[in-house]
């Protein structure tokens, strides 16, 4: 990381400030300050162009200085976790994919991992490598959307168009392997839905060969833009100890100098087979948050290349027919396979009583799924530990005492996804 210079006064706070309780729990409130009589309470959001997603920020301003902020969530609450209790384990996967709608492969991975832990399934090595390749492609796609929209917030419109272009290439790869560009239901309990088609690896290698040069272009556009740098360097600094107290994980924590990453700390799905680094920051400002995600995309390219080059031979899903669909070619010749297919899809499979929590490293931090089974074919409880929800808690200490312009930049660098926050 390059050295950054903190903008004078960006982290100042007025001592002795007292705030009155918000008049209503989810309504606009007012604050009092003994030294400043002209405080303005202003809404950012919840309409989408104002904030990243349907997020409402009740902001108390002293001119251009943010004195207090209250995030209000719940505008896109879908009740997905409760709906999962009414579905068979088989049918939960399409629901959880739509929580953090930019990290659908990660949502499916953490859920399938929890169920596989409960039933004791050993996922074949080929399926593990295919999962890693798709998750890292998904990580790049998610970071590209963050880079594109964040650049737009900060006035770098060219980055928006270029980021969208490269993300579209990744979605083409998803469509080729799974049939869908988003929410593909490709990950299944025990492996993946089907093997990759002919030519997919060649397309992936073409992307990974050219993408680092694209990242160089993005960096050149941003790192030579002095106006943009002034909005990133030295702004919204929070130390790693404070972030840990709020439970923050992912790029936000690593930008502050803490190297915690579950792919290294608690490897899953064969991540211990791959050689990659965990980028960390030195200052913990918005510029470090930007640099960390840029570096993570480069590391994801390395992981993808290793996964497709070393892809093991063998099954792409478990051979245990209690949990995996029969191969499609058997349905035309085997009545037993047809009956099993019908029962598995309509009734699902039973999971032994117990509970499991399965954490993974999503583009925004620790994403974990808790599943409790009562022995039936439907989960008794499904709960997601969504990193966007937890990370949003740290937004207030990040922006208090900073400028309104810093609030906009910080929200872009926070990268919250409201589908995961509200669930």
Protein backbone atom coordinates (compact mmCIF):
# COMPACT_ATOMS: atom_id res chain seq x y z
CA UNK A 1 0.00 0.00 0.00
CA UNK A 2 1.19 3.48 -0.77
CA UNK A 3 1.36 6.11 1.95
CA UNK A 4 -1.67 8.35 2.28
CA UNK A 5 -2.07 11.75 3.87
CA UNK A 6 -5.06 12.42 6.06
CA UNK A 7 -7.07 15.50 5.16
CA UNK A 8 -6.93 17.90 8.12
CA UNK A 9 -10.08 17.93 10.19
CA UNK A 10 -11.83 14.99 8.59
CA UNK A 11 -12.03 13.06 11.86
CA UNK A 12 -12.79 15.96 14.18
CA UNK A 13 -15.71 15.76 16.58
CA UNK A 14 -17.20 18.46 18.83
CA UNK A 15 -16.76 17.51 22.50
CA UNK A 16 -19.71 17.65 24.83
CA UNK A 17 -22.32 17.11 22.14
CA UNK A 18 -25.68 15.84 23.44
CA UNK A 19 -28.41 14.37 21.28
CA UNK A 20 -32.13 14.09 21.96
CA UNK A 21 -33.87 10.79 21.30
CA UNK A 22 -35.45 10.39 17.89
CA UNK A 23 -39.14 11.27 18.24
CA UNK A 24 -40.24 8.04 16.62
CA UNK A 25 -38.35 4.81 16.03
CA UNK A 26 -38.35 5.06 12.24
CA UNK A 27 -39.20 8.70 11.73
CA UNK A 28 -37.12 11.83 11.28
CA UNK A 29 -35.80 13.10 14.60
CA UNK A 30 -34.11 16.28 15.75
CA UNK A 31 -30.93 16.84 17.70
CA UNK A 32 -29.81 19.62 20.02
CA UNK A 33 -26.28 20.91 20.41
CA UNK A 34 -25.23 23.46 23.00
CA UNK A 35 -22.90 25.29 20.62
CA UNK A 36 -24.77 25.06 17.34
CA UNK A 37 -28.41 26.05 16.98
CA UNK A 38 -28.77 25.52 13.25
CA UNK A 39 -28.51 21.77 12.80
CA UNK A 40 -30.30 20.27 9.82
CA UNK A 41 -31.79 16.78 9.77
CA UNK A 42 -31.72 15.46 6.22
CA UNK A 43 -32.76 12.23 4.52
CA UNK A 44 -30.44 10.38 2.18
CA UNK A 45 -32.58 7.73 0.51
CA UNK A 46 -34.41 5.45 0.70
CA UNK A 47 -34.79 5.94 -3.06
CA UNK A 48 -32.12 4.02 -4.90
CA UNK A 49 -30.17 6.79 -6.67
CA UNK A 50 -29.40 8.47 -3.35
CA UNK A 51 -27.98 5.39 -1.62
CA UNK A 52 -26.68 1.98 -2.66
CA UNK A 53 -29.91 0.06 -2.42
CA UNK A 54 -33.08 0.97 -0.59
CA UNK A 55 -31.26 2.43 2.43
CA UNK A 56 -32.44 5.45 4.40
CA UNK A 57 -29.84 7.55 6.20
CA UNK A 58 -31.22 10.09 8.69
CA UNK A 59 -28.33 12.54 8.78
CA UNK A 60 -27.86 15.43 11.18
CA UNK A 61 -25.71 18.12 9.56
CA UNK A 62 -23.92 21.19 10.87
CA UNK A 63 -23.42 22.92 7.56
CA UNK A 64 -21.28 20.42 5.62
CA UNK A 65 -20.25 18.45 8.72
CA UNK A 66 -22.03 15.20 9.67
CA UNK A 67 -22.83 15.30 13.41
CA UNK A 68 -25.01 12.19 13.63
CA UNK A 69 -26.39 9.52 11.33
CA UNK A 70 -28.99 6.80 11.75
CA UNK A 71 -29.32 4.05 9.11
CA UNK A 72 -32.91 2.84 8.67
CA UNK A 73 -33.33 -0.55 6.99
CA UNK A 74 -36.13 -2.97 6.18
CA UNK A 75 -37.59 -1.45 3.02
CA UNK A 76 -36.98 -4.61 0.95
CA UNK A 77 -37.60 -7.18 3.70
CA UNK A 78 -38.57 -10.43 1.98
CA UNK A 79 -38.80 -12.91 4.86
CA UNK A 80 -36.59 -15.37 3.00
CA UNK A 81 -35.28 -17.04 6.16
CA UNK A 82 -38.81 -17.79 7.37
CA UNK A 83 -39.88 -18.97 3.93
CA UNK A 84 -37.03 -21.49 3.99
CA UNK A 85 -38.77 -23.32 6.84
CA UNK A 86 -41.69 -24.07 4.51
CA UNK A 87 -39.55 -25.53 1.73
CA UNK A 88 -37.70 -28.81 1.41
CA UNK A 89 -33.92 -28.62 1.66
CA UNK A 90 -33.82 -29.06 -2.10
CA UNK A 91 -35.99 -25.99 -2.73
CA UNK A 92 -34.28 -23.62 -0.31
CA UNK A 93 -31.30 -23.00 -2.61
CA UNK A 94 -33.10 -20.63 -5.04
CA UNK A 95 -34.36 -18.61 -2.05
CA UNK A 96 -31.04 -18.06 -0.30
CA UNK A 97 -29.36 -17.11 -3.57
CA UNK A 98 -31.54 -14.00 -3.64
CA UNK A 99 -30.43 -12.61 -0.29
CA UNK A 100 -27.16 -10.90 -1.23
CA UNK A 101 -28.18 -10.79 -4.88
CA UNK A 102 -24.63 -10.01 -6.05
CA UNK A 103 -23.11 -13.01 -4.24
CA UNK A 104 -25.50 -15.76 -5.23
CA UNK A 105 -22.84 -18.46 -5.50
CA UNK A 106 -21.63 -17.61 -2.00
CA UNK A 107 -25.16 -17.74 -0.57
CA UNK A 108 -25.67 -21.18 -2.08
CA UNK A 109 -22.23 -22.33 -0.93
CA UNK A 110 -22.74 -21.47 2.74
CA UNK A 111 -26.21 -23.08 2.80
CA UNK A 112 -25.11 -26.25 0.99
CA UNK A 113 -22.05 -26.44 3.24
CA UNK A 114 -24.24 -26.35 6.36
CA UNK A 115 -26.53 -29.09 5.03
CA UNK A 116 -23.57 -31.20 3.90
CA UNK A 117 -22.13 -30.90 7.40
CA UNK A 118 -25.36 -32.18 8.92
CA UNK A 119 -25.70 -35.18 6.59
CA UNK A 120 -21.97 -35.96 6.43
CA UNK A 121 -21.50 -35.71 2.67
CA UNK A 122 -18.00 -35.72 1.18
CA UNK A 123 -18.05 -33.38 -1.83
CA UNK A 124 -15.95 -34.75 -4.74
CA UNK A 125 -12.72 -32.83 -5.47
CA UNK A 126 -13.89 -31.86 -8.95
CA UNK A 127 -17.01 -30.27 -7.52
CA UNK A 128 -14.94 -28.40 -4.93
CA UNK A 129 -12.69 -26.92 -7.61
CA UNK A 130 -15.67 -25.96 -9.76
CA UNK A 131 -17.24 -24.24 -6.76
CA UNK A 132 -14.03 -22.29 -6.10
CA UNK A 133 -13.75 -21.19 -9.74
CA UNK A 134 -17.36 -19.96 -9.80
CA UNK A 135 -17.11 -18.23 -6.41
CA UNK A 136 -13.97 -16.34 -7.39
CA UNK A 137 -15.54 -15.30 -10.68
CA UNK A 138 -18.53 -14.15 -8.63
CA UNK A 139 -16.19 -12.24 -6.29
CA UNK A 140 -14.71 -10.36 -9.25
CA UNK A 141 -18.18 -9.65 -10.67
CA UNK A 142 -19.34 -8.28 -7.31
CA UNK A 143 -16.23 -6.12 -6.90
CA UNK A 144 -16.64 -4.83 -10.45
CA UNK A 145 -20.17 -3.67 -9.69
CA UNK A 146 -18.85 -1.99 -6.54
CA UNK A 147 -16.08 -0.33 -8.54
CA UNK A 148 -18.47 0.80 -11.27
CA UNK A 149 -21.13 2.28 -9.00
CA UNK A 150 -18.58 3.65 -6.55
CA UNK A 151 -16.74 5.34 -9.38
CA UNK A 152 -19.99 6.87 -10.55
CA UNK A 153 -20.62 8.26 -7.05
CA UNK A 154 -17.20 9.90 -7.10
CA UNK A 155 -17.41 11.33 -10.61
CA UNK A 156 -15.43 8.67 -12.49
CA UNK A 157 -18.08 7.87 -15.08
CA UNK A 158 -15.72 6.01 -17.43
CA UNK A 159 -15.05 3.45 -14.69
CA UNK A 160 -18.78 2.76 -14.53
CA UNK A 161 -19.02 1.78 -18.19
CA UNK A 162 -15.80 -0.23 -18.24
CA UNK A 163 -16.67 -2.11 -15.04
CA UNK A 164 -20.06 -3.04 -16.42
CA UNK A 165 -18.42 -4.34 -19.59
CA UNK A 166 -16.11 -6.75 -17.78
CA UNK A 167 -18.80 -7.89 -15.36
CA UNK A 168 -20.97 -8.79 -18.34
CA UNK A 169 -18.21 -11.09 -19.59
CA UNK A 170 -18.30 -13.00 -16.30
CA UNK A 171 -22.08 -13.33 -16.48
CA UNK A 172 -21.62 -14.83 -19.94
CA UNK A 173 -19.40 -17.49 -18.35
CA UNK A 174 -22.07 -18.19 -15.73
CA UNK A 175 -24.68 -18.55 -18.44
CA UNK A 176 -22.45 -20.98 -20.31
CA UNK A 177 -21.82 -23.24 -17.30
CA UNK A 178 -25.21 -23.10 -15.57
CA UNK A 179 -27.75 -21.69 -18.03
CA UNK A 180 -28.38 -18.53 -16.01
CA UNK A 181 -26.52 -15.24 -15.68
CA UNK A 182 -27.72 -14.62 -12.11
CA UNK A 183 -29.21 -16.90 -9.42
CA UNK A 184 -28.28 -20.05 -11.37
CA UNK A 185 -28.95 -22.71 -8.68
CA UNK A 186 -25.74 -24.32 -9.87
CA UNK A 187 -24.47 -25.37 -6.43
CA UNK A 188 -26.30 -28.40 -5.07
CA UNK A 189 -26.05 -30.34 -1.84
CA UNK A 190 -23.15 -32.68 -2.57
CA UNK A 191 -21.59 -30.81 -5.49
CA UNK A 192 -22.77 -28.89 -8.54
CA UNK A 193 -25.77 -29.39 -10.81
CA UNK A 194 -23.81 -30.53 -13.86
CA UNK A 195 -20.33 -30.66 -15.26
CA UNK A 196 -18.93 -27.72 -17.18
CA UNK A 197 -19.54 -27.71 -20.95
CA UNK A 198 -16.86 -28.08 -23.58
CA UNK A 199 -15.03 -24.82 -24.19
CA UNK A 200 -15.81 -23.27 -20.80
CA UNK A 201 -12.28 -23.52 -19.49
CA UNK A 202 -10.94 -21.92 -22.67
CA UNK A 203 -13.33 -18.98 -22.23
CA UNK A 204 -12.32 -18.61 -18.59
CA UNK A 205 -8.63 -18.59 -19.50
CA UNK A 206 -9.26 -15.90 -22.09
CA UNK A 207 -10.89 -13.76 -19.42
CA UNK A 208 -8.18 -14.29 -16.79
CA UNK A 209 -5.45 -13.58 -19.35
CA UNK A 210 -6.84 -10.16 -20.22
CA UNK A 211 -8.43 -9.01 -16.98
CA UNK A 212 -5.25 -7.89 -15.12
CA UNK A 213 -4.64 -5.37 -17.91
CA UNK A 214 -8.18 -4.10 -17.39
CA UNK A 215 -7.41 -3.60 -13.71
CA UNK A 216 -4.34 -1.60 -14.68
CA UNK A 217 -6.58 0.65 -16.76
CA UNK A 218 -9.00 1.15 -13.86
CA UNK A 219 -6.13 1.98 -11.52
CA UNK A 220 -4.74 4.49 -14.01
CA UNK A 221 -8.11 6.20 -14.31
CA UNK A 222 -8.50 6.49 -10.54
CA UNK A 223 -4.96 6.90 -9.20
CA UNK A 224 -4.25 9.81 -11.54
CA UNK A 225 -7.49 11.61 -10.71
CA UNK A 226 -6.50 14.11 -8.02
CA UNK A 227 -10.08 15.14 -7.30
CA UNK A 228 -11.08 11.55 -6.70
CA UNK A 229 -7.99 10.82 -4.62
CA UNK A 230 -8.74 13.79 -2.37
CA UNK A 231 -12.09 12.18 -1.57
CA UNK A 232 -10.52 8.81 -0.74
CA UNK A 233 -7.16 9.45 0.91
CA UNK A 234 -7.28 10.14 4.63
CA UNK A 235 -11.08 10.07 4.86
CA UNK A 236 -13.34 8.03 7.16
CA UNK A 237 -10.51 6.31 9.01
CA UNK A 238 -11.50 3.70 11.60
CA UNK A 239 -8.94 1.51 13.37
CA UNK A 240 -9.11 -2.27 13.32
CA UNK A 241 -9.87 -2.54 17.06
CA UNK A 242 -13.04 -0.48 16.64
CA UNK A 243 -14.05 -2.48 13.57
CA UNK A 244 -13.60 -5.73 15.47
CA UNK A 245 -15.83 -4.43 18.26
CA UNK A 246 -18.57 -3.91 15.69
CA UNK A 247 -18.01 -7.36 14.17
CA UNK A 248 -16.83 -5.96 10.84
CA UNK A 249 -15.14 -8.43 8.49
CA UNK A 250 -14.03 -8.58 4.87
CA UNK A 251 -12.28 -5.84 2.88
CA UNK A 252 -13.26 -3.18 5.44
CA UNK A 253 -11.37 -4.98 8.22
CA UNK A 254 -8.43 -5.95 6.02
CA UNK A 255 -8.11 -2.32 4.87
CA UNK A 256 -7.42 -1.41 8.51
CA UNK A 257 -4.54 -3.90 8.70
CA UNK A 258 -6.19 -7.08 10.02
CA UNK A 259 -5.52 -10.02 7.63
CA UNK A 260 -8.55 -12.11 8.70
CA UNK A 261 -9.88 -14.07 5.73
CA UNK A 262 -11.74 -17.36 6.15
CA UNK A 263 -10.19 -18.78 2.97
CA UNK A 264 -6.89 -18.83 4.90
CA UNK A 265 -8.06 -18.88 8.54
CA UNK A 266 -10.55 -21.76 8.13
CA UNK A 267 -10.20 -23.15 4.58
CA UNK A 268 -13.24 -24.74 2.96
CA UNK A 269 -13.98 -26.28 -0.43
CA UNK A 270 -10.26 -26.98 -1.08
CA UNK A 271 -9.08 -23.36 -0.70
CA UNK A 272 -6.04 -24.75 1.10
CA UNK A 273 -4.95 -26.22 -2.26
CA UNK A 274 -4.40 -22.80 -3.83
CA UNK A 275 -1.62 -20.28 -3.58
CA UNK A 276 -2.84 -16.71 -3.06
CA UNK A 277 -2.22 -13.73 -0.81
CA UNK A 278 -4.47 -11.71 1.49
CA UNK A 279 -4.05 -7.97 0.74
CA UNK A 280 -4.11 -5.70 3.79
CA UNK A 281 -4.07 -1.93 4.21
CA UNK A 282 -2.04 0.37 6.41
CA UNK A 283 -4.26 3.38 7.15
CA UNK A 284 -7.84 2.09 7.10
CA UNK A 285 -9.23 4.98 5.03
CA UNK A 286 -11.40 4.94 1.92
CA UNK A 287 -8.35 4.71 -0.30
CA UNK A 288 -7.21 1.52 1.42
CA UNK A 289 -10.71 0.09 1.03
CA UNK A 290 -10.50 0.78 -2.68
CA UNK A 291 -6.98 -0.65 -3.01
CA UNK A 292 -7.84 -3.82 -1.07
CA UNK A 293 -10.69 -4.76 -3.40
CA UNK A 294 -8.59 -4.03 -6.47
CA UNK A 295 -5.85 -6.31 -5.12
CA UNK A 296 -8.40 -9.00 -4.22
CA UNK A 297 -9.55 -9.17 -7.83
CA UNK A 298 -5.97 -9.85 -8.92
CA UNK A 299 -5.69 -12.64 -6.35
CA UNK A 300 -9.01 -14.10 -7.51
CA UNK A 301 -7.61 -14.34 -11.03
CA UNK A 302 -4.71 -16.43 -9.66
CA UNK A 303 -7.11 -18.75 -7.83
CA UNK A 304 -9.30 -19.21 -10.90
CA UNK A 305 -6.32 -20.11 -13.07
CA UNK A 306 -5.13 -22.68 -10.53
CA UNK A 307 -8.64 -24.16 -10.21
CA UNK A 308 -9.23 -24.65 -13.94
CA UNK A 309 -5.65 -25.76 -14.67
CA UNK A 310 -5.70 -28.33 -11.89
CA UNK A 311 -9.34 -29.39 -12.21
CA UNK A 312 -9.49 -33.02 -10.99
CA UNK A 313 -11.17 -35.77 -12.95
CA UNK A 314 -14.13 -37.60 -11.48
CA UNK A 315 -17.67 -36.91 -10.34
CA UNK A 316 -19.09 -33.40 -10.16
CA UNK A 317 -21.59 -34.38 -7.43
CA UNK A 318 -21.77 -36.98 -4.69
CA UNK A 319 -22.62 -40.52 -5.70
CA UNK A 320 -24.98 -40.86 -2.72
CA UNK A 321 -28.37 -41.16 -4.45
CA UNK A 322 -30.22 -40.19 -1.27
CA UNK A 323 -29.13 -36.60 -1.81
CA UNK A 324 -28.17 -36.33 -5.50
CA UNK A 325 -30.35 -36.59 -8.57
CA UNK A 326 -29.71 -39.58 -10.86
CA UNK A 327 -27.81 -38.77 -14.06
CA UNK A 328 -30.20 -37.51 -16.69
CA UNK A 329 -29.35 -40.25 -19.19
CA UNK A 330 -30.65 -42.89 -16.75
CA UNK A 331 -34.15 -41.43 -16.67
CA UNK A 332 -35.01 -42.79 -20.11
CA UNK A 333 -33.95 -46.38 -19.30
CA UNK A 334 -34.41 -46.89 -15.55
CA UNK A 335 -37.77 -46.79 -13.78
CA UNK A 336 -35.97 -46.78 -10.41
CA UNK A 337 -34.00 -43.69 -11.42
CA UNK A 338 -37.16 -41.95 -12.63
CA UNK A 339 -39.01 -42.67 -9.39
CA UNK A 340 -36.05 -41.55 -7.31
CA UNK A 341 -35.78 -38.34 -9.32
CA UNK A 342 -39.48 -37.63 -8.82
CA UNK A 343 -39.42 -38.25 -5.06
CA UNK A 344 -36.25 -36.24 -4.52
CA UNK A 345 -37.60 -33.20 -6.34
CA UNK A 346 -41.13 -33.31 -4.91
CA UNK A 347 -40.55 -34.56 -1.35
CA UNK A 348 -36.87 -33.81 -0.84
CA UNK A 349 -34.51 -35.71 1.43
CA UNK A 350 -34.46 -36.03 5.19
CA UNK A 351 -31.64 -34.58 7.28
CA UNK A 352 -30.66 -36.07 10.67
CA UNK A 353 -31.58 -33.90 13.68
CA UNK A 354 -28.89 -31.40 14.62
CA UNK A 355 -27.58 -27.96 13.83
CA UNK A 356 -24.62 -26.58 11.92
CA UNK A 357 -23.06 -23.20 11.13
CA UNK A 358 -20.96 -22.91 7.99
CA UNK A 359 -18.98 -19.66 7.45
CA UNK A 360 -17.28 -18.60 4.22
CA UNK A 361 -15.55 -15.48 2.89
CA UNK A 362 -17.93 -13.53 0.65
CA UNK A 363 -16.99 -10.32 -1.23
CA UNK A 364 -18.21 -8.34 1.80
CA UNK A 365 -16.88 -10.46 4.64
CA UNK A 366 -17.94 -13.44 6.71
CA UNK A 367 -21.12 -14.93 5.31
CA UNK A 368 -22.41 -17.77 7.43
CA UNK A 369 -25.46 -20.01 7.35
CA UNK A 370 -26.98 -21.65 10.42
CA UNK A 371 -29.26 -24.62 9.74
CA UNK A 372 -31.17 -26.56 12.39
CA UNK A 373 -32.79 -29.86 11.47
CA UNK A 374 -35.58 -31.67 13.28
CA UNK A 375 -35.20 -34.82 11.19
CA UNK A 376 -37.81 -33.91 8.58
CA UNK A 377 -37.35 -32.96 4.91
CA UNK A 378 -37.67 -29.26 5.76
CA UNK A 379 -35.23 -27.18 7.84
CA UNK A 380 -36.55 -26.15 11.24
CA UNK A 381 -34.49 -22.95 11.09
CA UNK A 382 -32.31 -21.20 8.52
CA UNK A 383 -30.46 -18.04 9.49
CA UNK A 384 -27.83 -16.08 7.59
CA UNK A 385 -25.03 -14.08 9.15
CA UNK A 386 -24.89 -11.45 6.42
CA UNK A 387 -21.76 -9.27 6.40
CA UNK A 388 -23.53 -6.22 4.94
CA UNK A 389 -25.88 -6.15 7.94
CA UNK A 390 -23.03 -6.35 10.44
CA UNK A 391 -20.72 -3.97 8.59
CA UNK A 392 -23.40 -1.28 8.40
CA UNK A 393 -23.06 -0.83 12.18
CA UNK A 394 -19.65 0.74 11.65
CA UNK A 395 -20.96 3.38 9.26
CA UNK A 396 -21.75 5.85 12.04
CA UNK A 397 -18.23 5.98 13.55
CA UNK A 398 -16.86 6.19 10.02
CA UNK A 399 -18.76 9.35 9.07
CA UNK A 400 -19.25 11.31 12.31
CA UNK A 401 -17.33 14.57 12.13
CA UNK A 402 -16.63 14.28 8.40
CA UNK A 403 -17.99 16.18 5.40
CA UNK A 404 -21.13 15.24 3.49
CA UNK A 405 -18.96 14.48 0.48
CA UNK A 406 -17.03 12.02 2.66
CA UNK A 407 -20.31 10.36 3.63
CA UNK A 408 -21.05 9.69 -0.03
CA UNK A 409 -17.57 8.29 -0.64
CA UNK A 410 -17.69 6.17 2.52
CA UNK A 411 -21.04 4.64 1.59
CA UNK A 412 -19.60 3.68 -1.78
CA UNK A 413 -16.56 2.08 -0.13
CA UNK A 414 -18.77 0.30 2.42
CA UNK A 415 -20.41 -1.71 -0.41
CA UNK A 416 -23.66 -2.64 1.40
CA UNK A 417 -26.18 -4.91 -0.31
CA UNK A 418 -29.68 -4.29 1.01
CA UNK A 419 -31.03 -7.65 -0.09
CA UNK A 420 -28.68 -9.26 2.38
CA UNK A 421 -29.28 -6.66 5.08
CA UNK A 422 -33.09 -6.89 5.02
CA UNK A 423 -33.55 -10.57 4.03
